[in-house]
Amino acid sequence: MILIKTILGNIVDPEWAERLSAADTDLLEIDQWEAQKSRFRKTTAKGVEIAVSIDRGIHIRDGDVLLWDAKARAALVARIELRDVMIVHLDDLSSLVPDVAMRTCVELGHAMGNQHWPALVKDKLVYVPLTVDRKVMASVMNTHRFEGIRYEFVPGREVIPYLAPHESRRLFGGAEGPVHSHTHESYAGVEAETGRVYGRPPTYVHAHPGAAAEGPTSPATAGSAHDHRE
């Protein structure tokens, strides 16, 4: 068993990116909740037993380099599987009369609060990381039948480019790795008055109220949904 007591760097760091380009890389695959632990045992993708014992308060992020053997040019890199995220679309509320739109927002917030779902509101979207099975979350949304509300489930990695670092940490606890490295300029916009750069939301498809969101609902396979952006 190999003991890991420190994090050496991350694959997005230029020096590590170059060093690992021709290296034999093994992966330590963990989920975002395991990544919050400072001590745990795991077997790598190549079958090596690993014991992690890092300082408390330090969390493993996606792409962290955990081991490096310069002579063998071999490395162990963390691969963190992020949970899916439910995206709730609020843009259609603008077509409702103010009283109805306000009531819907309050009802949505009340329902999410009752379920103890963490949520991040950004522009006209609400990001909710899956803390229970997606069938349960879909059932709650469909039961309430919120007027003017649509929702979809997308892989956690697909929402990272549209979030600021502090927003990403709220959803994934820092397990997603350096956020700035994932931003793609084709999804960026600039505010005319302030010059502020912002990310456009990943709304490729969306599901309609009452549509059961069972099984995978990626942009390519989502049921009862249709394309709205390229």
C-alpha atoms as a PDB file:
ATOM      1  CA  MET A   1       0.000   0.000   0.000  1.00  0.00           C
ATOM      2  CA  ILE A   2       1.265   3.469  -0.909  1.00  0.00           C
ATOM      3  CA  LEU A   3       0.755   6.347   1.536  1.00  0.00           C
ATOM      4  CA  ILE A   4      -0.071   9.801   0.144  1.00  0.00           C
ATOM      5  CA  LYS A   5       0.564  12.670   2.540  1.00  0.00           C
ATOM      6  CA  THR A   6       0.709  15.679   0.228  1.00  0.00           C
ATOM      7  CA  ILE A   7      -0.552  17.046  -3.083  1.00  0.00           C
ATOM      8  CA  LEU A   8       2.226  17.792  -5.554  1.00  0.00           C
ATOM      9  CA  GLY A   9       0.367  20.010  -8.001  1.00  0.00           C
ATOM     10  CA  ASN A  10      -2.361  19.907 -10.609  1.00  0.00           C
ATOM     11  CA  ILE A  11      -2.425  18.875 -14.250  1.00  0.00           C
ATOM     12  CA  VAL A  12      -3.445  22.388 -15.306  1.00  0.00           C
ATOM     13  CA  ASP A  13      -0.170  23.788 -13.963  1.00  0.00           C
ATOM     14  CA  PRO A  14       2.109  24.351 -17.005  1.00  0.00           C
ATOM     15  CA  GLU A  15       5.055  22.489 -15.499  1.00  0.00           C
ATOM     16  CA  TRP A  16       2.934  19.457 -14.648  1.00  0.00           C
ATOM     17  CA  ALA A  17       1.104  19.523 -17.968  1.00  0.00           C
ATOM     18  CA  GLU A  18       4.446  19.282 -19.769  1.00  0.00           C
ATOM     19  CA  ARG A  19       5.837  16.689 -17.366  1.00  0.00           C
ATOM     20  CA  LEU A  20       2.808  14.430 -17.686  1.00  0.00           C
ATOM     21  CA  SER A  21       2.414  14.720 -21.460  1.00  0.00           C
ATOM     22  CA  ALA A  22       4.572  11.617 -21.979  1.00  0.00           C
ATOM     23  CA  ALA A  23       4.119  10.006 -18.570  1.00  0.00           C
ATOM     24  CA  ASP A  24       2.500   6.723 -17.571  1.00  0.00           C
ATOM     25  CA  THR A  25      -0.511   8.013 -15.615  1.00  0.00           C
ATOM     26  CA  ASP A  26      -2.652   6.043 -13.190  1.00  0.00           C
ATOM     27  CA  LEU A  27      -5.957   7.454 -11.908  1.00  0.00           C
ATOM     28  CA  LEU A  28      -7.385   7.628  -8.416  1.00  0.00           C
ATOM     29  CA  GLU A  29     -11.109   7.818  -9.147  1.00  0.00           C
ATOM     30  CA  ILE A  30     -13.221   9.230  -6.302  1.00  0.00           C
ATOM     31  CA  ASP A  31     -16.496  11.113  -6.002  1.00  0.00           C
ATOM     32  CA  GLN A  32     -16.866  14.687  -4.789  1.00  0.00           C
ATOM     33  CA  TRP A  33     -17.818  13.590  -1.275  1.00  0.00           C
ATOM     34  CA  GLU A  34     -14.759  11.368  -0.855  1.00  0.00           C
ATOM     35  CA  ALA A  35     -12.668  14.302  -2.056  1.00  0.00           C
ATOM     36  CA  GLN A  36     -13.689  16.237   1.071  1.00  0.00           C
ATOM     37  CA  LYS A  37     -12.067  13.641   3.328  1.00  0.00           C
ATOM     38  CA  SER A  38      -8.483  13.964   4.500  1.00  0.00           C
ATOM     39  CA  ARG A  39      -8.112  10.242   5.226  1.00  0.00           C
ATOM     40  CA  PHE A  40      -9.381   7.311   3.192  1.00  0.00           C
ATOM     41  CA  ARG A  41      -8.266   4.187   1.352  1.00  0.00           C
ATOM     42  CA  LYS A  42      -8.863   3.451  -2.285  1.00  0.00           C
ATOM     43  CA  THR A  43      -7.644   1.303  -5.174  1.00  0.00           C
ATOM     44  CA  THR A  44      -6.421   3.059  -8.313  1.00  0.00           C
ATOM     45  CA  ALA A  45      -7.593   2.286 -11.839  1.00  0.00           C
ATOM     46  CA  LYS A  46      -4.520   0.054 -12.260  1.00  0.00           C
ATOM     47  CA  GLY A  47      -5.168  -1.852  -9.036  1.00  0.00           C
ATOM     48  CA  VAL A  48      -2.694  -0.143  -6.688  1.00  0.00           C
ATOM     49  CA  GLU A  49      -3.856   0.216  -3.078  1.00  0.00           C
ATOM     50  CA  ILE A  50      -3.609   3.798  -1.845  1.00  0.00           C
ATOM     51  CA  ALA A  51      -3.963   5.316   1.613  1.00  0.00           C
ATOM     52  CA  VAL A  52      -4.582   9.073   1.662  1.00  0.00           C
ATOM     53  CA  SER A  53      -3.611  10.960   4.810  1.00  0.00           C
ATOM     54  CA  ILE A  54      -3.328  14.678   4.113  1.00  0.00           C
ATOM     55  CA  ASP A  55      -3.621  17.644   6.466  1.00  0.00           C
ATOM     56  CA  ARG A  56      -7.119  18.512   7.619  1.00  0.00           C
ATOM     57  CA  GLY A  57      -8.606  21.413   5.701  1.00  0.00           C
ATOM     58  CA  ILE A  58      -6.843  20.386   2.482  1.00  0.00           C
ATOM     59  CA  HIS A  59      -9.098  18.757  -0.088  1.00  0.00           C
ATOM     60  CA  ILE A  60      -8.219  16.820  -3.201  1.00  0.00           C
ATOM     61  CA  ARG A  61      -9.334  18.505  -6.415  1.00  0.00           C
ATOM     62  CA  ASP A  62      -9.870  17.092  -9.856  1.00  0.00           C
ATOM     63  CA  GLY A  63      -6.536  16.790 -11.645  1.00  0.00           C
ATOM     64  CA  ASP A  64      -4.358  16.890  -8.527  1.00  0.00           C
ATOM     65  CA  VAL A  65      -1.055  15.065  -8.894  1.00  0.00           C
ATOM     66  CA  LEU A  66      -0.677  12.734  -5.926  1.00  0.00           C
ATOM     67  CA  LEU A  67       2.428  10.727  -6.848  1.00  0.00           C
ATOM     68  CA  TRP A  68       5.319  11.244  -9.223  1.00  0.00           C
ATOM     69  CA  ASP A  69       8.182   8.871 -10.013  1.00  0.00           C
ATOM     70  CA  ALA A  70      10.638  10.873 -12.092  1.00  0.00           C
ATOM     71  CA  LYS A  71      12.814   7.868 -12.919  1.00  0.00           C
ATOM     72  CA  ALA A  72       9.908   5.758 -14.194  1.00  0.00           C
ATOM     73  CA  ARG A  73       8.033   8.824 -15.458  1.00  0.00           C
ATOM     74  CA  ALA A  74       4.909   7.529 -13.743  1.00  0.00           C
ATOM     75  CA  ALA A  75       2.232   9.564 -11.990  1.00  0.00           C
ATOM     76  CA  LEU A  76      -0.962   9.162 -10.011  1.00  0.00           C
ATOM     77  CA  VAL A  77      -3.638  11.762 -10.751  1.00  0.00           C
ATOM     78  CA  ALA A  78      -6.974  12.336  -9.005  1.00  0.00           C
ATOM     79  CA  ARG A  79     -10.070  11.989 -11.153  1.00  0.00           C
ATOM     80  CA  ILE A  80     -13.163  13.266  -9.352  1.00  0.00           C
ATOM     81  CA  GLU A  81     -16.622  12.380 -10.566  1.00  0.00           C
ATOM     82  CA  LEU A  82     -18.923  15.322  -9.945  1.00  0.00           C
ATOM     83  CA  ARG A  83     -22.586  14.761  -9.212  1.00  0.00           C
ATOM     84  CA  ASP A  84     -25.210  15.815 -11.742  1.00  0.00           C
ATOM     85  CA  VAL A  85     -26.850  19.207 -11.316  1.00  0.00           C
ATOM     86  CA  MET A  86     -30.506  20.111 -11.715  1.00  0.00           C
ATOM     87  CA  ILE A  87     -30.890  23.418 -13.539  1.00  0.00           C
ATOM     88  CA  VAL A  88     -34.165  25.238 -12.944  1.00  0.00           C
ATOM     89  CA  HIS A  89     -35.056  27.822 -15.595  1.00  0.00           C
ATOM     90  CA  LEU A  90     -36.841  30.963 -14.428  1.00  0.00           C
ATOM     91  CA  ASP A  91     -36.881  32.916 -17.695  1.00  0.00           C
ATOM     92  CA  ASP A  92     -40.495  32.044 -18.540  1.00  0.00           C
ATOM     93  CA  LEU A  93     -41.658  33.739 -15.332  1.00  0.00           C
ATOM     94  CA  SER A  94     -41.235  37.092 -17.067  1.00  0.00           C
ATOM     95  CA  SER A  95     -44.264  36.270 -19.228  1.00  0.00           C
ATOM     96  CA  LEU A  96     -46.489  35.866 -16.156  1.00  0.00           C
ATOM     97  CA  VAL A  97     -48.210  38.629 -14.235  1.00  0.00           C
ATOM     98  CA  PRO A  98     -45.983  39.840 -11.354  1.00  0.00           C
ATOM     99  CA  ASP A  99     -48.178  38.385  -8.591  1.00  0.00           C
ATOM    100  CA  VAL A 100     -48.097  34.908 -10.126  1.00  0.00           C
ATOM    101  CA  ALA A 101     -44.361  35.069 -10.825  1.00  0.00           C
ATOM    102  CA  MET A 102     -43.657  36.152  -7.244  1.00  0.00           C
ATOM    103  CA  ARG A 103     -45.872  33.420  -5.815  1.00  0.00           C
ATOM    104  CA  THR A 104     -44.135  30.800  -7.967  1.00  0.00           C
ATOM    105  CA  CYS A 105     -40.688  31.915  -6.772  1.00  0.00           C
ATOM    106  CA  VAL A 106     -41.780  31.737  -3.142  1.00  0.00           C
ATOM    107  CA  GLU A 107     -43.318  28.285  -3.653  1.00  0.00           C
ATOM    108  CA  LEU A 108     -40.184  27.045  -5.407  1.00  0.00           C
ATOM    109  CA  GLY A 109     -37.946  28.335  -2.616  1.00  0.00           C
ATOM    110  CA  HIS A 110     -40.234  26.832   0.018  1.00  0.00           C
ATOM    111  CA  ALA A 111     -40.238  23.420  -1.692  1.00  0.00           C
ATOM    112  CA  MET A 112     -36.453  23.371  -2.056  1.00  0.00           C
ATOM    113  CA  GLY A 113     -36.004  24.509   1.529  1.00  0.00           C
ATOM    114  CA  ASN A 114     -38.252  21.729   2.790  1.00  0.00           C
ATOM    115  CA  GLN A 115     -36.043  19.230   0.963  1.00  0.00           C
ATOM    116  CA  HIS A 116     -32.868  20.877   2.332  1.00  0.00           C
ATOM    117  CA  TRP A 117     -31.495  21.186  -1.197  1.00  0.00           C
ATOM    118  CA  PRO A 118     -28.519  23.532  -1.537  1.00  0.00           C
ATOM    119  CA  ALA A 119     -29.016  25.939  -4.411  1.00  0.00           C
ATOM    120  CA  LEU A 120     -27.179  28.612  -6.325  1.00  0.00           C
ATOM    121  CA  VAL A 121     -29.167  31.345  -8.091  1.00  0.00           C
ATOM    122  CA  LYS A 122     -27.459  33.006 -11.039  1.00  0.00           C
ATOM    123  CA  ASP A 123     -29.257  35.276 -13.458  1.00  0.00           C
ATOM    124  CA  LYS A 124     -32.437  33.397 -14.421  1.00  0.00           C
ATOM    125  CA  LEU A 125     -31.159  29.954 -13.441  1.00  0.00           C
ATOM    126  CA  VAL A 126     -31.098  27.972 -10.213  1.00  0.00           C
ATOM    127  CA  TYR A 127     -28.374  25.338  -9.913  1.00  0.00           C
ATOM    128  CA  VAL A 128     -29.134  22.484  -7.514  1.00  0.00           C
ATOM    129  CA  PRO A 129     -26.526  19.718  -7.011  1.00  0.00           C
ATOM    130  CA  LEU A 130     -28.031  16.252  -6.678  1.00  0.00           C
ATOM    131  CA  THR A 131     -28.069  15.211  -3.044  1.00  0.00           C
ATOM    132  CA  VAL A 132     -30.632  12.445  -3.613  1.00  0.00           C
ATOM    133  CA  ASP A 133     -31.600  10.271  -6.562  1.00  0.00           C
ATOM    134  CA  ARG A 134     -32.682  12.322  -9.578  1.00  0.00           C
ATOM    135  CA  LYS A 135     -36.012  10.429  -9.643  1.00  0.00           C
ATOM    136  CA  VAL A 136     -36.773  11.852  -6.198  1.00  0.00           C
ATOM    137  CA  MET A 137     -35.907  15.393  -7.275  1.00  0.00           C
ATOM    138  CA  ALA A 138     -37.945  15.050 -10.467  1.00  0.00           C
ATOM    139  CA  SER A 139     -40.885  13.741  -8.451  1.00  0.00           C
ATOM    140  CA  VAL A 140     -40.793  16.782  -6.165  1.00  0.00           C
ATOM    141  CA  MET A 141     -40.658  19.192  -9.106  1.00  0.00           C
ATOM    142  CA  ASN A 142     -43.428  17.406 -11.004  1.00  0.00           C
ATOM    143  CA  THR A 143     -45.669  17.130  -7.947  1.00  0.00           C
ATOM    144  CA  HIS A 144     -45.635  20.888  -7.380  1.00  0.00           C
ATOM    145  CA  ARG A 145     -46.123  21.722 -11.075  1.00  0.00           C
ATOM    146  CA  PHE A 146     -44.619  25.187 -10.706  1.00  0.00           C
ATOM    147  CA  GLU A 147     -46.123  27.575 -13.224  1.00  0.00           C
ATOM    148  CA  GLY A 148     -43.577  29.002 -15.672  1.00  0.00           C
ATOM    149  CA  ILE A 149     -40.790  26.733 -14.381  1.00  0.00           C
ATOM    150  CA  ARG A 150     -38.722  24.304 -16.450  1.00  0.00           C
ATOM    151  CA  TYR A 151     -35.875  22.095 -15.299  1.00  0.00           C
ATOM    152  CA  GLU A 152     -33.258  19.670 -16.595  1.00  0.00           C
ATOM    153  CA  PHE A 153     -30.466  17.489 -15.267  1.00  0.00           C
ATOM    154  CA  VAL A 154     -26.939  17.914 -16.641  1.00  0.00           C
ATOM    155  CA  PRO A 155     -23.539  16.439 -15.718  1.00  0.00           C
ATOM    156  CA  GLY A 156     -21.708  18.509 -13.127  1.00  0.00           C
ATOM    157  CA  ARG A 157     -18.724  19.055 -15.400  1.00  0.00           C
ATOM    158  CA  GLU A 158     -20.903  20.784 -17.997  1.00  0.00           C
ATOM    159  CA  VAL A 159     -21.903  23.632 -15.671  1.00  0.00           C
ATOM    160  CA  ILE A 160     -18.397  24.459 -14.411  1.00  0.00           C
ATOM    161  CA  PRO A 161     -17.472  26.737 -17.358  1.00  0.00           C
ATOM    162  CA  TYR A 162     -20.399  29.020 -16.544  1.00  0.00           C
ATOM    163  CA  LEU A 163     -19.638  29.503 -12.850  1.00  0.00           C
ATOM    164  CA  ALA A 164     -17.262  31.779 -11.008  1.00  0.00           C
ATOM    165  CA  PRO A 165     -14.810  29.932  -8.703  1.00  0.00           C
ATOM    166  CA  HIS A 166     -16.770  30.748  -5.534  1.00  0.00           C
ATOM    167  CA  GLU A 167     -20.016  29.602  -7.175  1.00  0.00           C
ATOM    168  CA  SER A 168     -18.444  26.334  -8.274  1.00  0.00           C
ATOM    169  CA  ARG A 169     -17.196  25.712  -4.730  1.00  0.00           C
ATOM    170  CA  ARG A 170     -20.728  26.157  -3.413  1.00  0.00           C
ATOM    171  CA  LEU A 171     -21.978  23.396  -5.701  1.00  0.00           C
ATOM    172  CA  PHE A 172     -19.054  20.980  -5.580  1.00  0.00           C
ATOM    173  CA  GLY A 173     -17.110  21.844  -2.433  1.00  0.00           C
ATOM    174  CA  GLY A 174     -13.912  22.627  -4.340  1.00  0.00           C
ATOM    175  CA  ALA A 175     -13.631  19.118  -5.800  1.00  0.00           C
ATOM    176  CA  GLU A 176     -13.982  20.416  -9.364  1.00  0.00           C
ATOM    177  CA  GLY A 177     -10.406  21.682  -9.535  1.00  0.00           C
ATOM    178  CA  PRO A 178      -9.172  25.041 -10.877  1.00  0.00           C
ATOM    179  CA  VAL A 179     -12.304  26.542 -12.445  1.00  0.00           C
ATOM    180  CA  HIS A 180     -10.583  29.142 -14.576  1.00  0.00           C
ATOM    181  CA  SER A 181      -8.952  26.456 -16.671  1.00  0.00           C
ATOM    182  CA  HIS A 182     -12.301  25.226 -17.977  1.00  0.00           C
ATOM    183  CA  THR A 183     -13.689  28.519 -19.273  1.00  0.00           C
ATOM    184  CA  HIS A 184     -14.199  28.583 -23.030  1.00  0.00           C
ATOM    185  CA  GLU A 185     -14.288  31.941 -24.750  1.00  0.00           C
ATOM    186  CA  SER A 186     -17.116  30.946 -27.095  1.00  0.00           C
ATOM    187  CA  TYR A 187     -19.399  30.792 -24.058  1.00  0.00           C
ATOM    188  CA  ALA A 188     -18.351  34.174 -22.710  1.00  0.00           C
ATOM    189  CA  GLY A 189     -20.200  37.452 -22.925  1.00  0.00           C
ATOM    190  CA  VAL A 190     -19.288  41.030 -22.077  1.00  0.00           C
ATOM    191  CA  GLU A 191     -21.583  43.497 -20.352  1.00  0.00           C
ATOM    192  CA  ALA A 192     -21.682  46.606 -22.528  1.00  0.00           C
ATOM    193  CA  GLU A 193     -21.867  49.173 -19.707  1.00  0.00           C
ATOM    194  CA  THR A 194     -19.399  47.690 -17.212  1.00  0.00           C
ATOM    195  CA  GLY A 195     -17.175  45.518 -19.379  1.00  0.00           C
ATOM    196  CA  ARG A 196     -17.759  42.612 -16.978  1.00  0.00           C
ATOM    197  CA  VAL A 197     -17.066  39.207 -18.536  1.00  0.00           C
ATOM    198  CA  TYR A 198     -19.586  36.508 -17.720  1.00  0.00           C
ATOM    199  CA  GLY A 199     -20.364  32.938 -18.755  1.00  0.00           C
ATOM    200  CA  ARG A 200     -23.470  32.030 -20.703  1.00  0.00           C
ATOM    201  CA  PRO A 201     -25.526  29.275 -19.110  1.00  0.00           C
ATOM    202  CA  PRO A 202     -25.449  25.726 -20.521  1.00  0.00           C
ATOM    203  CA  THR A 203     -29.040  25.580 -21.717  1.00  0.00           C
ATOM    204  CA  TYR A 204     -28.803  23.240 -24.675  1.00  0.00           C
ATOM    205  CA  VAL A 205     -32.090  21.515 -23.893  1.00  0.00           C
ATOM    206  CA  HIS A 206     -34.666  21.588 -21.182  1.00  0.00           C
ATOM    207  CA  ALA A 207     -37.454  19.405 -19.909  1.00  0.00           C
ATOM    208  CA  HIS A 208     -40.999  20.582 -19.462  1.00  0.00           C
ATOM    209  CA  PRO A 209     -43.070  20.365 -16.274  1.00  0.00           C
ATOM    210  CA  GLY A 210     -44.684  16.992 -15.861  1.00  0.00           C
ATOM    211  CA  ALA A 211     -42.070  15.180 -17.930  1.00  0.00           C
ATOM    212  CA  ALA A 212     -40.532  12.386 -15.882  1.00  0.00           C
ATOM    213  CA  ALA A 213     -36.777  12.816 -15.654  1.00  0.00           C
ATOM    214  CA  GLU A 214     -35.815   9.182 -15.270  1.00  0.00           C
ATOM    215  CA  GLY A 215     -32.494   7.787 -16.381  1.00  0.00           C
ATOM    216  CA  PRO A 216     -29.803   9.744 -18.211  1.00  0.00           C
ATOM    217  CA  THR A 217     -30.951  13.147 -19.428  1.00  0.00           C
ATOM    218  CA  SER A 218     -27.916  14.505 -21.187  1.00  0.00           C
ATOM    219  CA  PRO A 219     -28.445  17.161 -23.889  1.00  0.00           C
ATOM    220  CA  ALA A 220     -28.406  14.408 -26.501  1.00  0.00           C
ATOM    221  CA  THR A 221     -30.862  12.058 -24.782  1.00  0.00           C
ATOM    222  CA  ALA A 222     -33.142  14.178 -22.606  1.00  0.00           C
ATOM    223  CA  GLY A 223     -36.770  13.115 -22.839  1.00  0.00           C
ATOM    224  CA  SER A 224     -39.480  15.658 -23.589  1.00  0.00           C
ATOM    225  CA  ALA A 225     -36.934  18.318 -24.425  1.00  0.00           C
ATOM    226  CA  HIS A 226     -35.773  20.152 -27.482  1.00  0.00           C
ATOM    227  CA  ASP A 227     -32.794  22.115 -28.742  1.00  0.00           C
ATOM    228  CA  HIS A 228     -32.654  25.858 -28.158  1.00  0.00           C
ATOM    229  CA  ARG A 229     -28.996  26.740 -28.551  1.00  0.00           C
ATOM    230  CA  GLU A 230     -25.868  25.651 -30.318  1.00  0.00           C
END
